[in-house]
Amino acid sequence: MRAIGKLPKSVLILEFIGMMLLAVALLSVSDTLSLPEPFSRPEVRF
């Protein structure tokens, strides 16, 4: 695996965005974070 510093900046930004989305999903599933109305409707929840 290559060093993180050698990756292109765009890849690092996409990795960061992906980690933030995973963190939001985890907090949302555990009911620690309440999402805005379009995402918290019963049809959207599993």
PDB file of N, CA and C in Angstrom:
ATOM      1  N   MET A   1       0.842  -1.187   0.000  1.00  0.00           N
ATOM      2  CA  MET A   1       0.000   0.000   0.000  1.00  0.00           C
ATOM      3  C   MET A   1       0.880   1.241   0.000  1.00  0.00           C
ATOM      4  N   ARG A   2       0.483   2.229  -0.781  1.00  0.00           N
ATOM      5  CA  ARG A   2       1.262   3.459  -0.860  1.00  0.00           C
ATOM      6  C   ARG A   2       1.041   4.308   0.379  1.00  0.00           C
ATOM      7  N   ALA A   3       1.988   5.176   0.635  1.00  0.00           N
ATOM      8  CA  ALA A   3       1.860   6.095   1.765  1.00  0.00           C
ATOM      9  C   ALA A   3       0.733   7.080   1.490  1.00  0.00           C
ATOM     10  N   ILE A   4       0.074   7.503   2.550  1.00  0.00           N
ATOM     11  CA  ILE A   4      -1.070   8.411   2.391  1.00  0.00           C
ATOM     12  C   ILE A   4      -0.635   9.737   1.782  1.00  0.00           C
ATOM     13  N   GLY A   5       0.546  10.206   2.120  1.00  0.00           N
ATOM     14  CA  GLY A   5       1.033  11.481   1.604  1.00  0.00           C
ATOM     15  C   GLY A   5       1.269  11.484   0.110  1.00  0.00           C
ATOM     16  N   LYS A   6       1.430  10.308  -0.493  1.00  0.00           N
ATOM     17  CA  LYS A   6       1.699  10.234  -1.927  1.00  0.00           C
ATOM     18  C   LYS A   6       0.426  10.187  -2.763  1.00  0.00           C
ATOM     19  N   LEU A   7      -0.721  10.051  -2.121  1.00  0.00           N
ATOM     20  CA  LEU A   7      -1.982   9.999  -2.862  1.00  0.00           C
ATOM     21  C   LEU A   7      -2.340  11.386  -3.388  1.00  0.00           C
ATOM     22  N   PRO A   8      -3.028  11.457  -4.524  1.00  0.00           N
ATOM     23  CA  PRO A   8      -3.470  12.754  -5.039  1.00  0.00           C
ATOM     24  C   PRO A   8      -4.435  13.432  -4.061  1.00  0.00           C
ATOM     25  N   LYS A   9      -4.441  14.753  -4.102  1.00  0.00           N
ATOM     26  CA  LYS A   9      -5.272  15.527  -3.179  1.00  0.00           C
ATOM     27  C   LYS A   9      -6.753  15.205  -3.351  1.00  0.00           C
ATOM     28  N   SER A  10      -7.196  14.985  -4.581  1.00  0.00           N
ATOM     29  CA  SER A  10      -8.613  14.687  -4.812  1.00  0.00           C
ATOM     30  C   SER A  10      -9.010  13.359  -4.164  1.00  0.00           C
ATOM     31  N   VAL A  11      -8.110  12.386  -4.165  1.00  0.00           N
ATOM     32  CA  VAL A  11      -8.401  11.096  -3.539  1.00  0.00           C
ATOM     33  C   VAL A  11      -8.501  11.264  -2.031  1.00  0.00           C
ATOM     34  N   LEU A  12      -7.622  12.064  -1.452  1.00  0.00           N
ATOM     35  CA  LEU A  12      -7.670  12.309  -0.013  1.00  0.00           C
ATOM     36  C   LEU A  12      -8.966  13.001   0.390  1.00  0.00           C
ATOM     37  N   ILE A  13      -9.421  13.934  -0.426  1.00  0.00           N
ATOM     38  CA  ILE A  13     -10.676  14.634  -0.134  1.00  0.00           C
ATOM     39  C   ILE A  13     -11.848  13.660  -0.202  1.00  0.00           C
ATOM     40  N   LEU A  14     -11.870  12.796  -1.212  1.00  0.00           N
ATOM     41  CA  LEU A  14     -12.942  11.803  -1.326  1.00  0.00           C
ATOM     42  C   LEU A  14     -12.916  10.817  -0.162  1.00  0.00           C
ATOM     43  N   GLU A  15     -11.729  10.423   0.279  1.00  0.00           N
ATOM     44  CA  GLU A  15     -11.608   9.534   1.439  1.00  0.00           C
ATOM     45  C   GLU A  15     -12.174  10.209   2.686  1.00  0.00           C
ATOM     46  N   PHE A  16     -11.864  11.481   2.875  1.00  0.00           N
ATOM     47  CA  PHE A  16     -12.353  12.223   4.037  1.00  0.00           C
ATOM     48  C   PHE A  16     -13.877  12.340   4.007  1.00  0.00           C
ATOM     49  N   ILE A  17     -14.433  12.655   2.839  1.00  0.00           N
ATOM     50  CA  ILE A  17     -15.890  12.766   2.707  1.00  0.00           C
ATOM     51  C   ILE A  17     -16.548  11.418   3.002  1.00  0.00           C
ATOM     52  N   GLY A  18     -15.961  10.343   2.520  1.00  0.00           N
ATOM     53  CA  GLY A  18     -16.501   9.012   2.784  1.00  0.00           C
ATOM     54  C   GLY A  18     -16.498   8.669   4.263  1.00  0.00           C
ATOM     55  N   MET A  19     -15.418   9.021   4.962  1.00  0.00           N
ATOM     56  CA  MET A  19     -15.352   8.755   6.404  1.00  0.00           C
ATOM     57  C   MET A  19     -16.388   9.573   7.163  1.00  0.00           C
ATOM     58  N   MET A  20     -16.609  10.815   6.737  1.00  0.00           N
ATOM     59  CA  MET A  20     -17.614  11.653   7.405  1.00  0.00           C
ATOM     60  C   MET A  20     -19.018  11.092   7.174  1.00  0.00           C
ATOM     61  N   LEU A  21     -19.299  10.618   5.958  1.00  0.00           N
ATOM     62  CA  LEU A  21     -20.610  10.022   5.683  1.00  0.00           C
ATOM     63  C   LEU A  21     -20.827   8.751   6.500  1.00  0.00           C
ATOM     64  N   LEU A  22     -19.780   7.946   6.661  1.00  0.00           N
ATOM     65  CA  LEU A  22     -19.895   6.752   7.492  1.00  0.00           C
ATOM     66  C   LEU A  22     -20.157   7.116   8.948  1.00  0.00           C
ATOM     67  N   ALA A  23     -19.494   8.160   9.436  1.00  0.00           N
ATOM     68  CA  ALA A  23     -19.704   8.589  10.822  1.00  0.00           C
ATOM     69  C   ALA A  23     -21.131   9.090  11.020  1.00  0.00           C
ATOM     70  N   VAL A  24     -21.658   9.862  10.068  1.00  0.00           N
ATOM     71  CA  VAL A  24     -23.035  10.359  10.162  1.00  0.00           C
ATOM     72  C   VAL A  24     -24.015   9.193  10.119  1.00  0.00           C
ATOM     73  N   ALA A  25     -23.759   8.210   9.262  1.00  0.00           N
ATOM     74  CA  ALA A  25     -24.647   7.043   9.185  1.00  0.00           C
ATOM     75  C   ALA A  25     -24.650   6.276  10.499  1.00  0.00           C
ATOM     76  N   LEU A  26     -23.485   6.088  11.097  1.00  0.00           N
ATOM     77  CA  LEU A  26     -23.402   5.369  12.366  1.00  0.00           C
ATOM     78  C   LEU A  26     -24.147   6.115  13.469  1.00  0.00           C
ATOM     79  N   LEU A  27     -23.949   7.428  13.550  1.00  0.00           N
ATOM     80  CA  LEU A  27     -24.636   8.215  14.575  1.00  0.00           C
ATOM     81  C   LEU A  27     -26.140   8.250  14.335  1.00  0.00           C
ATOM     82  N   SER A  28     -26.553   8.250  13.083  1.00  0.00           N
ATOM     83  CA  SER A  28     -27.977   8.266  12.765  1.00  0.00           C
ATOM     84  C   SER A  28     -28.633   6.940  13.128  1.00  0.00           C
ATOM     85  N   VAL A  29     -27.975   5.840  12.829  1.00  0.00           N
ATOM     86  CA  VAL A  29     -28.535   4.521  13.123  1.00  0.00           C
ATOM     87  C   VAL A  29     -28.646   4.305  14.627  1.00  0.00           C
ATOM     88  N   SER A  30     -27.690   4.820  15.380  1.00  0.00           N
ATOM     89  CA  SER A  30     -27.722   4.642  16.836  1.00  0.00           C
ATOM     90  C   SER A  30     -28.586   5.701  17.523  1.00  0.00           C
ATOM     91  N   ASP A  31     -29.310   6.508  16.749  1.00  0.00           N
ATOM     92  CA  ASP A  31     -30.203   7.567  17.248  1.00  0.00           C
ATOM     93  C   ASP A  31     -29.485   8.599  18.109  1.00  0.00           C
ATOM     94  N   THR A  32     -28.200   8.774  17.899  1.00  0.00           N
ATOM     95  CA  THR A  32     -27.446   9.825  18.567  1.00  0.00           C
ATOM     96  C   THR A  32     -27.610  11.138  17.817  1.00  0.00           C
ATOM     97  N   LEU A  33     -27.767  11.049  16.513  1.00  0.00           N
ATOM     98  CA  LEU A  33     -27.892  12.217  15.653  1.00  0.00           C
ATOM     99  C   LEU A  33     -29.229  12.137  14.930  1.00  0.00           C
ATOM    100  N   SER A  34     -30.008  13.200  15.009  1.00  0.00           N
ATOM    101  CA  SER A  34     -31.271  13.216  14.265  1.00  0.00           C
ATOM    102  C   SER A  34     -31.054  13.969  12.959  1.00  0.00           C
ATOM    103  N   LEU A  35     -31.446  13.349  11.869  1.00  0.00           N
ATOM    104  CA  LEU A  35     -31.254  13.934  10.552  1.00  0.00           C
ATOM    105  C   LEU A  35     -32.386  14.902  10.225  1.00  0.00           C
ATOM    106  N   PRO A  36     -32.171  15.805   9.261  1.00  0.00           N
ATOM    107  CA  PRO A  36     -33.236  16.721   8.841  1.00  0.00           C
ATOM    108  C   PRO A  36     -34.436  15.969   8.270  1.00  0.00           C
ATOM    109  N   GLU A  37     -35.537  16.651   8.121  1.00  0.00           N
ATOM    110  CA  GLU A  37     -36.818  16.070   7.723  1.00  0.00           C
ATOM    111  C   GLU A  37     -36.766  15.185   6.472  1.00  0.00           C
ATOM    112  N   PRO A  38     -36.145  15.586   5.368  1.00  0.00           N
ATOM    113  CA  PRO A  38     -36.189  14.709   4.181  1.00  0.00           C
ATOM    114  C   PRO A  38     -35.552  13.339   4.410  1.00  0.00           C
ATOM    115  N   PHE A  39     -34.626  13.245   5.356  1.00  0.00           N
ATOM    116  CA  PHE A  39     -33.925  11.986   5.596  1.00  0.00           C
ATOM    117  C   PHE A  39     -34.484  11.210   6.775  1.00  0.00           C
ATOM    118  N   SER A  40     -35.369  11.808   7.555  1.00  0.00           N
ATOM    119  CA  SER A  40     -35.868  11.126   8.750  1.00  0.00           C
ATOM    120  C   SER A  40     -37.319  10.667   8.613  1.00  0.00           C
ATOM    121  N   ARG A  41     -37.853  10.688   7.400  1.00  0.00           N
ATOM    122  CA  ARG A  41     -39.217  10.203   7.182  1.00  0.00           C
ATOM    123  C   ARG A  41     -39.275   8.699   7.392  1.00  0.00           C
ATOM    124  N   PRO A  42     -40.425   8.173   7.784  1.00  0.00           N
ATOM    125  CA  PRO A  42     -40.544   6.717   7.996  1.00  0.00           C
ATOM    126  C   PRO A  42     -40.265   5.901   6.733  1.00  0.00           C
ATOM    127  N   GLU A  43     -40.552   6.457   5.552  1.00  0.00           N
ATOM    128  CA  GLU A  43     -40.318   5.705   4.320  1.00  0.00           C
ATOM    129  C   GLU A  43     -38.833   5.504   4.073  1.00  0.00           C
ATOM    130  N   VAL A  44     -38.021   6.414   4.579  1.00  0.00           N
ATOM    131  CA  VAL A  44     -36.585   6.357   4.334  1.00  0.00           C
ATOM    132  C   VAL A  44     -35.900   5.450   5.338  1.00  0.00           C
ATOM    133  N   ARG A  45     -36.441   5.365   6.541  1.00  0.00           N
ATOM    134  CA  ARG A  45     -35.813   4.562   7.595  1.00  0.00           C
ATOM    135  C   ARG A  45     -36.003   3.078   7.314  1.00  0.00           C
ATOM    136  N   PHE A  46     -35.073   2.284   7.772  1.00  0.00           N
ATOM    137  CA  PHE A  46     -35.107   0.838   7.540  1.00  0.00           C
ATOM    138  C   PHE A  46     -35.740   0.128   8.687  1.00  0.00           C
TER     139      PHE A  46
END
